[in-house]
Protein backbone atom coordinates (compact mmCIF):
# COMPACT_ATOMS: atom_id res chain seq x y z
CA MET A 1 -29.85 -24.46 -24.45
CA ASN A 2 -30.48 -27.18 -27.05
CA ARG A 3 -30.80 -30.83 -26.06
CA SER A 4 -27.55 -32.02 -27.67
CA ARG A 5 -25.47 -29.42 -25.74
CA LEU A 6 -27.24 -30.28 -22.50
CA ALA A 7 -26.48 -33.98 -23.05
CA LEU A 8 -22.78 -33.22 -23.56
CA LEU A 9 -22.63 -31.20 -20.34
CA LEU A 10 -24.38 -33.92 -18.34
CA ALA A 11 -22.03 -36.55 -19.74
CA ALA A 12 -19.00 -34.45 -18.89
CA ALA A 13 -20.12 -33.75 -15.30
CA PRO A 14 -18.98 -37.07 -13.76
CA ILE A 15 -15.59 -36.71 -15.46
CA ALA A 16 -15.16 -33.16 -14.19
CA LEU A 17 -16.18 -34.25 -10.68
CA ALA A 18 -13.68 -37.10 -10.73
CA LEU A 19 -10.91 -34.74 -11.87
CA ALA A 20 -11.78 -32.25 -9.15
CA GLN A 21 -11.77 -34.99 -6.50
CA GLY A 22 -8.46 -36.28 -7.77
CA ALA A 23 -6.96 -32.79 -7.67
CA ALA A 24 -8.24 -32.26 -4.14
CA ALA A 25 -6.64 -35.53 -3.07
CA GLN A 26 -3.18 -34.41 -4.28
CA PRO A 27 -0.81 -32.92 -1.67
CA ALA A 28 -0.63 -29.11 -1.61
CA PRO A 29 2.46 -27.64 -3.27
CA ASN A 30 5.35 -26.97 -0.90
CA ARG A 31 5.00 -23.24 -0.33
CA VAL A 32 7.06 -23.11 2.86
CA LEU A 33 10.34 -21.24 2.39
CA ARG A 34 13.06 -22.35 4.80
CA VAL A 35 15.81 -19.82 5.39
CA ALA A 36 19.02 -19.82 7.43
CA PRO A 37 19.40 -16.14 8.47
CA HIS A 38 22.67 -14.58 9.55
CA ALA A 39 21.65 -14.23 13.21
CA ASP A 40 18.99 -15.12 15.74
CA LEU A 41 16.08 -12.74 16.28
CA LYS A 42 16.16 -11.29 19.80
CA THR A 43 14.55 -7.84 19.50
CA LEU A 44 11.16 -7.55 17.78
CA ASP A 45 11.03 -3.76 17.56
CA PRO A 46 12.58 -2.31 14.35
CA VAL A 47 12.17 1.23 15.68
CA PHE A 48 14.20 0.41 18.78
CA ALA A 49 17.02 -1.65 17.25
CA SER A 50 19.07 -0.86 14.16
CA ILE A 51 20.49 -4.37 13.69
CA VAL A 52 19.85 -6.05 10.35
CA ILE A 53 18.04 -9.14 11.64
CA THR A 54 15.47 -6.96 13.44
CA ARG A 55 15.08 -4.83 10.31
CA MET A 56 14.45 -7.97 8.24
CA HIS A 57 11.82 -9.01 10.79
CA GLY A 58 10.29 -5.53 10.73
CA LEU A 59 9.92 -5.51 6.96
CA MET A 60 8.10 -8.85 7.11
CA ILE A 61 5.29 -7.60 9.33
CA TYR A 62 5.29 -3.79 9.19
CA GLU A 63 5.07 -1.26 6.39
CA THR A 64 6.39 2.26 5.94
CA LEU A 65 4.69 5.28 4.36
CA PHE A 66 7.18 5.27 1.48
CA ALA A 67 9.62 2.60 0.27
CA TRP A 68 12.96 2.61 -1.55
CA ASP A 69 13.30 0.87 -4.89
CA SER A 70 16.40 -1.04 -6.02
CA LYS A 71 18.11 2.27 -6.89
CA LEU A 72 17.26 3.75 -3.46
CA GLN A 73 14.64 6.09 -4.91
CA SER A 74 11.59 6.58 -2.66
CA HIS A 75 8.01 5.78 -3.74
CA PRO A 76 4.63 5.83 -1.93
CA GLN A 77 3.84 2.57 -0.10
CA MET A 78 1.16 3.05 2.56
CA VAL A 79 0.51 6.51 1.16
CA GLU A 80 -2.13 6.90 -1.53
CA SER A 81 -1.43 10.55 -2.37
CA VAL A 82 0.90 13.37 -1.32
CA SER A 83 0.89 17.10 -2.04
CA THR A 84 3.10 20.03 -1.05
CA SER A 85 2.47 23.73 -0.57
CA PRO A 86 4.13 26.22 -2.96
CA ASP A 87 6.78 27.05 -0.34
CA ASN A 88 7.47 23.31 0.31
CA LEU A 89 6.84 23.80 4.02
CA THR A 90 3.59 21.81 4.21
CA TRP A 91 3.32 18.19 3.12
CA SER A 92 -0.12 16.60 3.07
CA PHE A 93 -0.58 12.83 2.90
CA ARG A 94 -3.49 10.45 2.55
CA LEU A 95 -3.29 6.76 3.46
CA ARG A 96 -4.40 4.00 1.11
CA ASP A 97 -7.88 2.68 1.70
CA GLY A 98 -8.15 -0.74 3.35
CA LEU A 99 -4.94 -0.73 5.40
CA ARG A 100 -5.47 -2.94 8.44
CA PHE A 101 -3.31 -4.23 11.25
CA HIS A 102 -3.09 -7.97 11.79
CA ASP A 103 -5.60 -7.73 14.63
CA GLY A 104 -8.18 -6.24 12.25
CA GLN A 105 -7.93 -2.62 13.38
CA PRO A 106 -7.75 -0.03 10.57
CA VAL A 107 -4.51 1.95 10.19
CA THR A 108 -5.27 5.60 10.98
CA SER A 109 -3.40 8.89 10.94
CA ARG A 110 -3.17 8.65 14.74
CA ASP A 111 -1.13 5.45 14.38
CA VAL A 112 1.09 7.17 11.82
CA ILE A 113 1.77 10.24 13.95
CA ALA A 114 2.56 8.25 17.10
CA SER A 115 4.85 5.94 15.09
CA LEU A 116 6.75 8.77 13.43
CA GLN A 117 7.17 10.68 16.67
CA ARG A 118 8.71 7.63 18.33
CA TRP A 119 10.94 6.91 15.31
CA MET A 120 12.21 10.51 15.29
CA LYS A 121 13.52 9.95 18.82
CA ARG A 122 15.36 6.73 17.91
CA ASP A 123 16.80 6.94 14.40
CA THR A 124 19.50 8.99 12.66
CA VAL A 125 17.25 9.79 9.69
CA GLY A 126 14.25 10.35 11.93
CA GLY A 127 16.23 12.64 14.19
CA LYS A 128 17.39 14.70 11.22
CA LEU A 129 13.81 15.02 9.90
CA ALA A 130 12.68 16.02 13.41
CA GLU A 131 15.07 18.99 13.31
CA TYR A 132 13.15 20.35 10.32
CA THR A 133 9.68 19.48 11.62
CA ALA A 134 7.37 22.13 13.07
CA ALA A 135 4.31 19.89 13.51
CA LEU A 136 2.68 16.56 12.65
CA GLU A 137 -1.09 16.87 12.57
CA ALA A 138 -3.98 14.50 11.86
CA GLN A 139 -6.60 15.87 9.46
CA ASP A 140 -8.99 12.91 9.57
CA GLU A 141 -8.79 9.12 9.87
CA ARG A 142 -6.65 8.76 6.74
CA GLY A 143 -5.19 12.23 6.23
CA PHE A 144 -2.27 13.91 8.04
CA THR A 145 0.07 16.85 7.53
CA LEU A 146 3.78 17.40 8.11
CA ARG A 147 4.73 21.06 8.53
CA LEU A 148 8.42 22.03 8.23
CA LYS A 149 10.45 24.89 9.69
CA THR A 150 12.81 24.97 6.72
CA PRO A 151 12.37 23.44 3.26
CA THR A 152 14.12 20.14 2.61
CA GLY A 153 13.72 17.57 -0.13
CA MET A 154 14.49 14.64 2.18
CA VAL A 155 10.88 13.96 3.28
CA PRO A 156 9.98 11.02 0.97
CA PHE A 157 13.52 9.62 1.27
CA ALA A 158 13.32 9.71 5.08
CA LEU A 159 9.79 8.31 5.37
CA GLY A 160 10.83 5.35 3.22
CA SER A 161 14.10 4.74 5.04
CA ALA A 162 15.15 1.09 4.99
CA VAL A 163 18.23 1.53 7.15
CA GLY A 164 18.97 2.06 10.81
CA GLN A 165 15.73 2.03 12.75
CA ILE A 166 13.03 1.99 10.09
CA PRO A 167 9.91 4.24 10.32
CA ALA A 168 7.58 1.25 10.77
CA ILE A 169 3.95 2.19 11.28
CA MET A 170 2.66 0.54 14.45
CA ARG A 171 -0.60 0.65 16.33
CA GLU A 172 -0.88 3.82 18.37
CA SER A 173 -0.94 1.74 21.57
CA ASP A 174 2.44 0.21 20.65
CA ALA A 175 3.97 3.41 19.26
CA THR A 176 3.37 5.29 22.51
CA THR A 177 5.80 2.94 24.25
CA ASP A 178 8.79 4.71 25.82
CA PRO A 179 11.32 5.14 22.95
CA MET A 180 14.04 3.89 25.29
CA LYS A 181 12.24 0.55 25.71
CA PRO A 182 11.53 -1.98 22.94
CA VAL A 183 7.97 -2.79 21.89
CA THR A 184 7.34 -6.45 22.72
CA GLU A 185 4.23 -6.88 20.56
CA ALA A 186 4.67 -7.68 16.86
CA VAL A 187 1.43 -6.60 15.20
CA GLY A 188 1.86 -4.74 11.94
CA SER A 189 -0.08 -4.29 8.73
CA GLY A 190 2.42 -5.91 6.37
CA PRO A 191 2.31 -8.92 4.05
CA PHE A 192 3.36 -11.46 6.71
CA ARG A 193 2.19 -12.15 10.25
CA PHE A 194 4.60 -13.05 13.03
CA ASN A 195 3.75 -16.49 14.41
CA ARG A 196 4.60 -15.98 18.06
CA ALA A 197 3.32 -19.43 19.08
CA GLU A 198 5.97 -21.15 16.95
CA TRP A 199 8.80 -18.74 17.79
CA GLN A 200 11.65 -20.63 19.50
CA SER A 201 14.46 -18.29 20.48
CA GLY A 202 17.75 -19.65 19.23
CA ALA A 203 16.04 -22.19 16.96
CA ARG A 204 13.20 -20.94 14.76
CA VAL A 205 11.21 -17.87 13.71
CA VAL A 206 8.00 -18.34 11.70
CA TYR A 207 5.97 -15.95 9.54
CA ASP A 208 2.63 -16.74 7.91
CA ARG A 209 1.19 -15.07 4.83
CA ASN A 210 -1.29 -12.33 5.76
CA PRO A 211 -4.44 -13.29 3.80
CA ASP A 212 -5.99 -9.85 4.36
CA TYR A 213 -3.07 -7.89 2.93
CA ARG A 214 -3.73 -5.80 -0.18
CA PRO A 215 -0.53 -5.18 -2.19
CA ARG A 216 0.01 -2.15 -4.37
CA SER A 217 -0.59 -2.62 -8.09
CA GLU A 218 2.90 -1.57 -9.24
CA PRO A 219 5.54 -4.25 -9.99
CA ALA A 220 7.88 -5.08 -7.11
CA ASP A 221 11.15 -3.14 -7.25
CA GLY A 222 13.41 -3.31 -4.21
CA LEU A 223 11.15 -2.51 -1.26
CA ALA A 224 8.75 -0.50 -3.43
CA GLY A 225 5.77 -1.62 -5.46
CA GLY A 226 3.48 -4.58 -4.90
CA ARG A 227 4.49 -6.82 -2.03
CA VAL A 228 2.89 -9.92 -3.48
CA VAL A 229 3.40 -12.99 -1.27
CA LYS A 230 3.71 -16.24 -3.23
CA LEU A 231 4.42 -18.42 -0.20
CA ASP A 232 2.25 -19.75 2.63
CA ARG A 233 4.90 -19.24 5.27
CA VAL A 234 8.55 -18.47 5.83
CA GLU A 235 10.58 -20.29 8.47
CA TRP A 236 13.90 -18.96 9.69
CA THR A 237 16.02 -21.80 11.06
CA ILE A 238 18.85 -20.54 13.23
CA MET A 239 22.09 -22.25 12.18
CA PRO A 240 25.09 -20.55 13.81
CA ASP A 241 27.46 -23.25 12.53
CA PRO A 242 28.29 -22.45 8.87
CA ALA A 243 29.13 -26.07 8.04
CA THR A 244 25.68 -27.14 9.22
CA ALA A 245 24.02 -24.45 7.09
CA ALA A 246 26.09 -25.40 4.05
CA ALA A 247 25.11 -29.06 4.38
CA ALA A 248 21.44 -28.16 4.88
CA LEU A 249 21.43 -26.02 1.73
CA GLN A 250 23.03 -28.73 -0.37
CA THR A 251 20.59 -31.40 0.77
CA GLY A 252 17.56 -29.14 0.39
CA GLU A 253 16.78 -28.95 4.10
CA ILE A 254 16.86 -25.16 3.67
CA ASP A 255 16.07 -23.15 0.55
CA ILE A 256 18.09 -19.98 1.18
CA TRP A 257 21.25 -19.28 3.16
CA GLU A 258 21.12 -15.53 3.67
CA GLN A 259 24.81 -14.95 4.40
CA PRO A 260 26.97 -17.95 3.48
CA GLY A 261 30.41 -18.16 5.02
CA GLN A 262 33.00 -16.88 2.56
CA ASP A 263 35.21 -19.93 3.04
CA LEU A 264 32.31 -22.24 2.13
CA ILE A 265 31.21 -20.43 -1.04
CA PRO A 266 33.55 -22.49 -3.28
CA VAL A 267 32.11 -25.67 -1.74
CA ILE A 268 28.42 -24.89 -2.19
CA SER A 269 29.03 -23.35 -5.63
CA ARG A 270 30.06 -26.76 -6.95
CA ASN A 271 26.55 -28.08 -6.31
CA ARG A 272 24.51 -27.62 -9.50
CA ASP A 273 21.33 -27.23 -7.43
CA VAL A 274 22.76 -24.20 -5.60
CA LYS A 275 23.14 -20.64 -6.91
CA VAL A 276 25.33 -17.97 -5.24
CA GLU A 277 24.34 -14.40 -6.08
CA ARG A 278 24.49 -10.82 -4.82
CA TYR A 279 21.27 -9.11 -3.78
CA SER A 280 22.66 -5.57 -3.46
CA SER A 281 24.69 -3.56 -5.95
CA LEU A 282 26.44 -1.51 -3.22
CA SER A 283 29.24 -3.01 -1.14
CA ASN A 284 28.81 -3.20 2.63
CA GLN A 285 31.02 -1.50 5.19
CA ALA A 286 32.91 -2.83 8.21
CA MET A 287 33.70 -0.57 11.16
CA LEU A 288 35.36 -0.36 14.57
CA ARG A 289 33.05 1.69 16.77
CA PRO A 290 34.38 3.47 19.90
CA ASN A 291 32.28 4.73 22.79
CA HIS A 292 32.66 8.53 22.88
CA LEU A 293 31.17 8.85 26.37
CA HIS A 294 34.03 7.32 28.37
CA PRO A 295 37.86 7.42 28.37
CA PRO A 296 39.94 6.91 26.43
CA PHE A 297 37.81 7.40 23.31
CA ASN A 298 36.04 10.53 24.52
CA ASP A 299 39.28 12.18 23.35
CA PRO A 300 39.58 12.51 19.53
CA ARG A 301 43.31 11.75 19.73
CA ALA A 302 42.58 8.26 21.04
CA ARG A 303 40.10 7.74 18.21
CA LEU A 304 42.71 8.88 15.69
CA ALA A 305 45.07 6.33 17.25
CA LEU A 306 42.59 3.62 16.22
CA ALA A 307 42.85 4.77 12.61
CA TYR A 308 46.65 4.76 12.61
CA ALA A 309 46.86 1.41 14.42
CA THR A 310 44.72 -0.66 12.05
CA ASP A 311 45.22 -2.07 8.56
CA GLN A 312 41.97 -2.62 6.67
CA ALA A 313 43.38 -5.58 4.75
CA ASP A 314 43.99 -7.53 7.97
CA PHE A 315 40.37 -7.14 9.02
CA LEU A 316 38.83 -7.83 5.64
CA ALA A 317 40.94 -10.89 4.93
CA ALA A 318 40.04 -12.32 8.33
CA GLY A 319 36.36 -11.53 7.96
CA PHE A 320 35.69 -12.18 4.29
CA GLY A 321 38.47 -14.34 2.88
CA ASP A 322 39.38 -14.01 -0.78
CA GLU A 323 40.10 -10.46 -1.93
CA GLN A 324 37.55 -10.83 -4.73
CA TRP A 325 34.94 -10.15 -2.03
CA TRP A 326 36.51 -7.04 -0.42
CA LYS A 327 38.54 -3.90 -0.99
CA ARG A 328 40.17 -1.08 0.94
CA CYS A 329 38.14 2.11 1.16
CA GLY A 330 38.52 5.14 3.41
CA SER A 331 35.15 6.67 2.63
CA TYR A 332 32.51 6.88 5.32
CA PHE A 333 30.01 7.06 2.46
CA VAL A 334 31.11 3.93 0.53
CA CYS A 335 33.45 3.91 -2.44
CA GLY A 336 31.44 3.46 -5.63
CA SER A 337 28.41 5.37 -4.32
CA PRO A 338 27.47 8.91 -5.43
CA ASN A 339 28.92 10.22 -2.15
CA GLY A 340 32.06 8.07 -2.05
CA THR A 341 34.73 10.69 -1.32
CA GLU A 342 37.85 9.80 0.69
CA ALA A 343 38.75 13.44 1.35
CA GLY A 344 40.74 13.82 4.55
CA ALA A 345 41.19 10.08 5.10
CA GLU A 346 44.29 9.59 2.95
CA ALA A 347 46.67 9.48 5.94
CA TYR A 348 44.95 6.39 7.39
CA ALA A 349 45.29 4.21 4.31
CA ARG A 350 48.21 2.36 5.93
CA PRO A 351 49.05 1.92 9.63
CA ASP A 352 51.54 4.11 11.48
CA LEU A 353 52.03 2.49 14.89
CA GLU A 354 54.41 5.11 16.25
CA LYS A 355 51.97 7.88 15.51
CA ALA A 356 49.19 5.81 17.05
CA ARG A 357 51.16 5.33 20.28
CA LYS A 358 51.97 9.06 20.43
CA LEU A 359 48.33 10.08 19.99
CA LEU A 360 47.20 7.57 22.59
CA ALA A 361 49.69 8.96 25.13
CA GLU A 362 48.60 12.52 24.36
CA SER A 363 44.99 11.53 25.06
CA GLY A 364 45.96 10.75 28.66
CA TYR A 365 45.59 6.99 28.44
CA LYS A 366 47.36 5.21 31.34
CA GLY A 367 46.77 1.54 30.60
CA GLU A 368 43.19 1.28 31.85
CA ARG A 369 41.15 -1.75 30.80
CA VAL A 370 39.34 -1.28 27.47
CA VAL A 371 36.29 -3.53 27.02
CA MET A 372 35.55 -4.79 23.51
CA SER A 373 32.25 -6.67 23.14
CA SER A 374 31.78 -9.14 20.27
CA SER A 375 30.15 -12.35 19.10
CA TYR A 376 30.88 -15.35 16.90
CA ASP A 377 27.18 -15.67 16.04
CA ILE A 378 28.19 -13.58 13.01
CA ALA A 379 31.55 -15.18 12.26
CA PRO A 380 33.17 -12.30 10.30
CA ILE A 381 32.46 -9.90 13.15
CA GLY A 382 34.01 -12.25 15.70
CA ARG A 383 37.10 -12.78 13.57
CA MET A 384 37.54 -9.04 12.95
CA ALA A 385 37.18 -8.35 16.68
CA GLU A 386 40.12 -10.68 17.33
CA VAL A 387 42.18 -8.80 14.72
CA ALA A 388 41.24 -5.50 16.36
CA ALA A 389 42.25 -6.71 19.83
CA GLU A 390 45.67 -7.84 18.61
CA ALA A 391 46.28 -4.63 16.63
CA LEU A 392 45.35 -2.39 19.53
CA LYS A 393 47.49 -4.28 22.01
CA LYS A 394 50.47 -3.37 19.81
CA ILE A 395 49.98 0.32 20.56
CA GLY A 396 49.57 -0.27 24.30
CA LEU A 397 45.82 -0.61 24.79
CA ASN A 398 44.82 -3.03 27.55
CA VAL A 399 42.05 -4.77 25.59
CA ASP A 400 39.57 -7.07 27.31
CA LEU A 401 37.79 -8.89 24.46
CA GLN A 402 34.49 -10.36 25.69
CA PHE A 403 32.37 -12.72 23.59
CA ALA A 404 28.62 -13.33 23.99
CA ASP A 405 25.66 -14.14 21.75
CA TRP A 406 24.80 -11.43 19.22
CA GLY A 407 21.54 -10.51 20.95
CA THR A 408 23.43 -9.82 24.19
CA VAL A 409 26.07 -7.81 22.35
CA THR A 410 23.52 -5.58 20.63
CA THR A 411 21.61 -5.09 23.88
CA ARG A 412 24.83 -4.07 25.60
CA GLN A 413 25.51 -1.55 22.84
CA GLN A 414 22.56 0.47 24.19
CA ASN A 415 24.15 0.66 27.66
CA ARG A 416 25.65 4.09 28.38
CA SER A 417 27.17 3.05 31.71
CA THR A 418 30.91 2.85 32.23
CA PRO A 419 32.54 -0.44 31.16
CA ASP A 420 32.91 -1.61 34.77
CA GLN A 421 29.15 -1.10 35.22
CA GLY A 422 28.11 -3.18 32.18
CA GLY A 423 28.95 -0.68 29.44
CA TRP A 424 31.63 -0.98 26.78
CA ASN A 425 34.47 0.83 24.95
CA LEU A 426 34.60 -0.78 21.49
CA PHE A 427 32.81 -3.13 19.14
CA VAL A 428 33.24 -4.28 15.55
CA THR A 429 30.20 -4.38 13.31
CA THR A 430 29.09 -4.10 9.71
CA ALA A 431 26.43 -2.11 7.88
CA SER A 432 24.87 -2.22 4.45
CA GLY A 433 26.06 0.03 1.66
CA ALA A 434 22.52 1.42 1.46
CA THR A 435 22.82 2.55 5.07
CA MET A 436 26.26 4.10 4.84
CA GLN A 437 26.20 5.71 1.39
CA SER A 438 24.34 8.89 2.38
CA PRO A 439 25.22 11.57 4.95
CA VAL A 440 21.54 11.44 5.92
CA THR A 441 21.32 7.68 6.54
CA ASN A 442 24.84 6.84 7.71
CA ILE A 443 24.15 5.89 11.32
CA GLY A 444 27.78 6.06 12.36
CA THR A 445 28.48 9.61 11.19
CA ASN A 446 25.58 11.12 13.12
CA MET A 447 27.44 13.17 15.74
CA ALA A 448 24.33 14.64 17.37
CA CYS A 449 25.28 13.61 20.93
CA GLU A 450 22.28 12.12 22.72
CA ARG A 451 20.48 11.56 19.40
CA ALA A 452 23.39 9.68 17.87
CA TRP A 453 23.65 5.91 17.46
CA SER A 454 25.39 3.70 20.06
CA GLY A 455 28.72 5.32 20.85
CA TRP A 456 27.04 8.74 21.02
CA PRO A 457 29.62 10.93 19.23
CA CYS A 458 29.13 14.65 19.74
CA ASP A 459 30.45 17.34 17.40
CA ALA A 460 28.53 20.51 16.52
CA GLU A 461 30.73 21.30 13.52
CA ALA A 462 30.08 17.92 11.88
CA GLU A 463 26.33 18.33 12.43
CA LYS A 464 26.44 21.83 10.90
CA LEU A 465 28.16 20.41 7.83
CA ARG A 466 25.68 17.53 7.62
CA ASN A 467 22.83 20.05 7.65
CA ALA A 468 24.49 21.82 4.74
CA VAL A 469 24.29 18.56 2.75
CA VAL A 470 20.58 18.19 3.55
CA GLU A 471 19.83 21.79 2.59
CA ALA A 472 21.95 21.95 -0.61
CA VAL A 473 19.79 23.09 -3.53
CA ASP A 474 21.84 21.64 -6.39
CA GLU A 475 24.20 18.77 -7.15
CA ASN A 476 27.38 20.88 -7.07
CA GLY A 477 26.45 22.32 -3.70
CA ARG A 478 25.65 18.88 -2.34
CA ARG A 479 28.99 17.45 -3.48
CA ALA A 480 30.95 20.34 -1.98
CA ALA A 481 29.07 20.05 1.30
CA THR A 482 29.62 16.27 1.39
CA GLU A 483 33.37 16.66 0.89
CA ALA A 484 33.61 19.28 3.64
CA LEU A 485 31.66 17.01 5.98
CA HIS A 486 33.90 14.06 5.16
CA ARG A 487 37.05 16.01 5.99
CA ARG A 488 35.64 16.86 9.40
CA LEU A 489 34.62 13.26 10.03
CA ALA A 490 38.10 12.01 9.11
CA GLU A 491 39.48 14.39 11.72
CA MET A 492 36.97 13.49 14.46
CA GLN A 493 36.75 9.73 13.71
CA PRO A 494 33.24 8.81 14.87
CA TYR A 495 34.37 5.29 13.94
CA ARG A 496 37.28 3.66 12.16
CA VAL A 497 36.30 2.58 8.64
CA LEU A 498 37.62 -0.96 8.14
CA GLY A 499 36.88 -1.14 4.41
CA GLN A 500 34.07 -2.71 2.41
CA TYR A 501 32.95 -6.11 1.21
CA ASP A 502 30.31 -7.90 -0.85
CA GLN A 503 28.01 -10.34 0.90
CA PRO A 504 26.31 -12.85 -1.43
CA TYR A 505 23.41 -15.11 -0.59
CA ALA A 506 22.89 -18.71 -1.69
CA ARG A 507 19.64 -20.35 -2.85
CA ARG A 508 18.40 -23.62 -4.21
CA SER A 509 17.83 -23.52 -7.97
CA ASN A 510 14.06 -23.96 -7.55
CA ILE A 511 13.84 -20.60 -5.75
CA SER A 512 13.28 -17.45 -7.81
CA GLY A 513 12.17 -13.86 -7.39
CA VAL A 514 14.67 -12.65 -4.77
CA LEU A 515 14.62 -8.85 -5.01
CA SER A 516 17.61 -6.50 -5.01
CA ALA A 517 17.09 -4.54 -1.78
CA PRO A 518 19.00 -3.14 1.22
CA VAL A 519 18.12 -6.33 3.15
CA MET A 520 16.64 -9.63 2.05
CA VAL A 521 12.85 -9.60 1.80
CA PHE A 522 10.53 -12.52 1.15
CA TRP A 523 7.62 -11.28 -0.90
CA ASN A 524 7.88 -11.91 -4.67
CA ILE A 525 9.81 -15.15 -4.00
CA GLU A 526 8.54 -18.37 -5.59
CA LYS A 527 9.37 -21.96 -4.72
CA LYS A 528 8.80 -24.52 -7.47
C-alpha cells in the first residue's frame, strides 16, 4: 500500500468511528408487529385442536413436511428430497439438513414418525391417509419411508395440510402424548419461538424470531417456500371488543386487525393510514353442526329438519352484514372452487317450515331440551347462533342457547357425553374455504364415526364415495365421484351449510408482505 493511500485511510478512520458510534446510539427500528387476532389462544396443540387460532399458533412455531402454496399446491418444506417406487406404493423421504427444535435437539425421522402417527389419529386428512398406510419406517436419522396398501396421489397434499389439525412435526417426547389429550409444551422447529413467560391468557401472546431457523431458498408463496422472518417479535393483543380494536388500529396501537368486524369496515376504511384487503381467494363457509351421537340429531330426519328450517340469508346478514361480503351456497365444497357442486342440495335453498316440523316429528322428537353452545368472542358466530336458536324454536325445538368464552366452547365440542352431562347438541362455526373445498380436507363431511370431527357423523356409504374421490385416476372420474358424494351428503346432512362469506383483514399502511394463505402467517411481513 502506498503512503498517500495509507494517509487517506488513517484520516478517514476517526470519521468512520464517529459514524459507527452515532449509528449505534440511534434507537433500533421498531420490528415488533402488534396484531389483534380473532380469538384468544387457549389450546397450544395444533394436532389436538382444529380451531383457526390454534392453527395460526401452530404455524408460527412448528413446520410440516410439505406446505401448500397460495393455489393450494403442495411443495416440500422440511423435506429435502422424495422418491416413489414404480408402483407408487413406497414413498421415501429425506429431511433437510440442519433442522433443529427450539431446545437445540435435531429433528429426526423418529420425531416425524411419532408426529404423523398421532396426527393420523386426530385429523380428517390424517385419518384418510392412515387408511391407505401399511407402514411408516425410519431408515436413518434423516430418512424415512411411507408404504401404502393402495396407490393414492394424496400423499404430498396430505403431508402439507394446512387445515383441520395440521401434521405439525413435534419432538418425539411430545408426539407420544395420548392423542385424546393436548400437548402442553410448545417447542417446534419453526421460524418463531413461543414466549411462554410473556403469555397472558386473555390478554397477550408473544412470539420471538427464532435466530437459529434456516429458511428454504425458494420465494415465499402461501405457506410454501422460504419462511423469512423480517420482524424481531410478534405480539397478539386480545381485543374481544371490535370498537376497541378499530380504535387501536386507527391510532397505530396495533398494526394488523386479523378479522375486522364487518360493521366497522366502512369506518376504518376512511382512514388513509389503514388498508382493508383479502388474504384468501376462496370464500369461507358457515355451518350449523349437530351432534350425531345423541337424540334428536342421531336421526337423519332431524338433521334434514335443520336444513328445511333455516334460511342462509338470515344467518349471513346477521354474521357478516352487507351482502357484498356473503352469498348463498349449498355446496359442502364451496361454490367457486373446483369441487363446488350443489348436487342434491337444491331443495334446501329456501326454508320449508312445515316439512321441517314433519321430519322432526318423524324422528321421534318429543320436546326434549336441545343444548346449543356458542360464544360472542367471535361476534359473527354468536350472532348466527342467536339466529339459529330463533329459527329452530319455530319448528318446535326446545333450544337452550348457552354462551361461554370461545376456548370453553371449543373444549366442550370434544365432549362426547350427553348434553345433561356436559355435552352438547348443536353449535355454529365457520371454516376456511381452503379447508372445505376438498372432499379430502373438509372436516365436516368426514363421516367416519369415531374418526370424524366433533359431532362424529357415521355413514359407511358416504365414506365409500369419499374413497372413490381419493382413488379417482383422472379428472372426469374425480368430478363424477365428487358429485355422487355430494348427493349422499345432502341426504345425510353431516351439517347444515349456512352459506359462504369473505373475511378481510386490516393493516396499517406501513405494513407489507402479508401472504395469501389459508390462515394469516407472519413471516415475510415487513414493518417500516
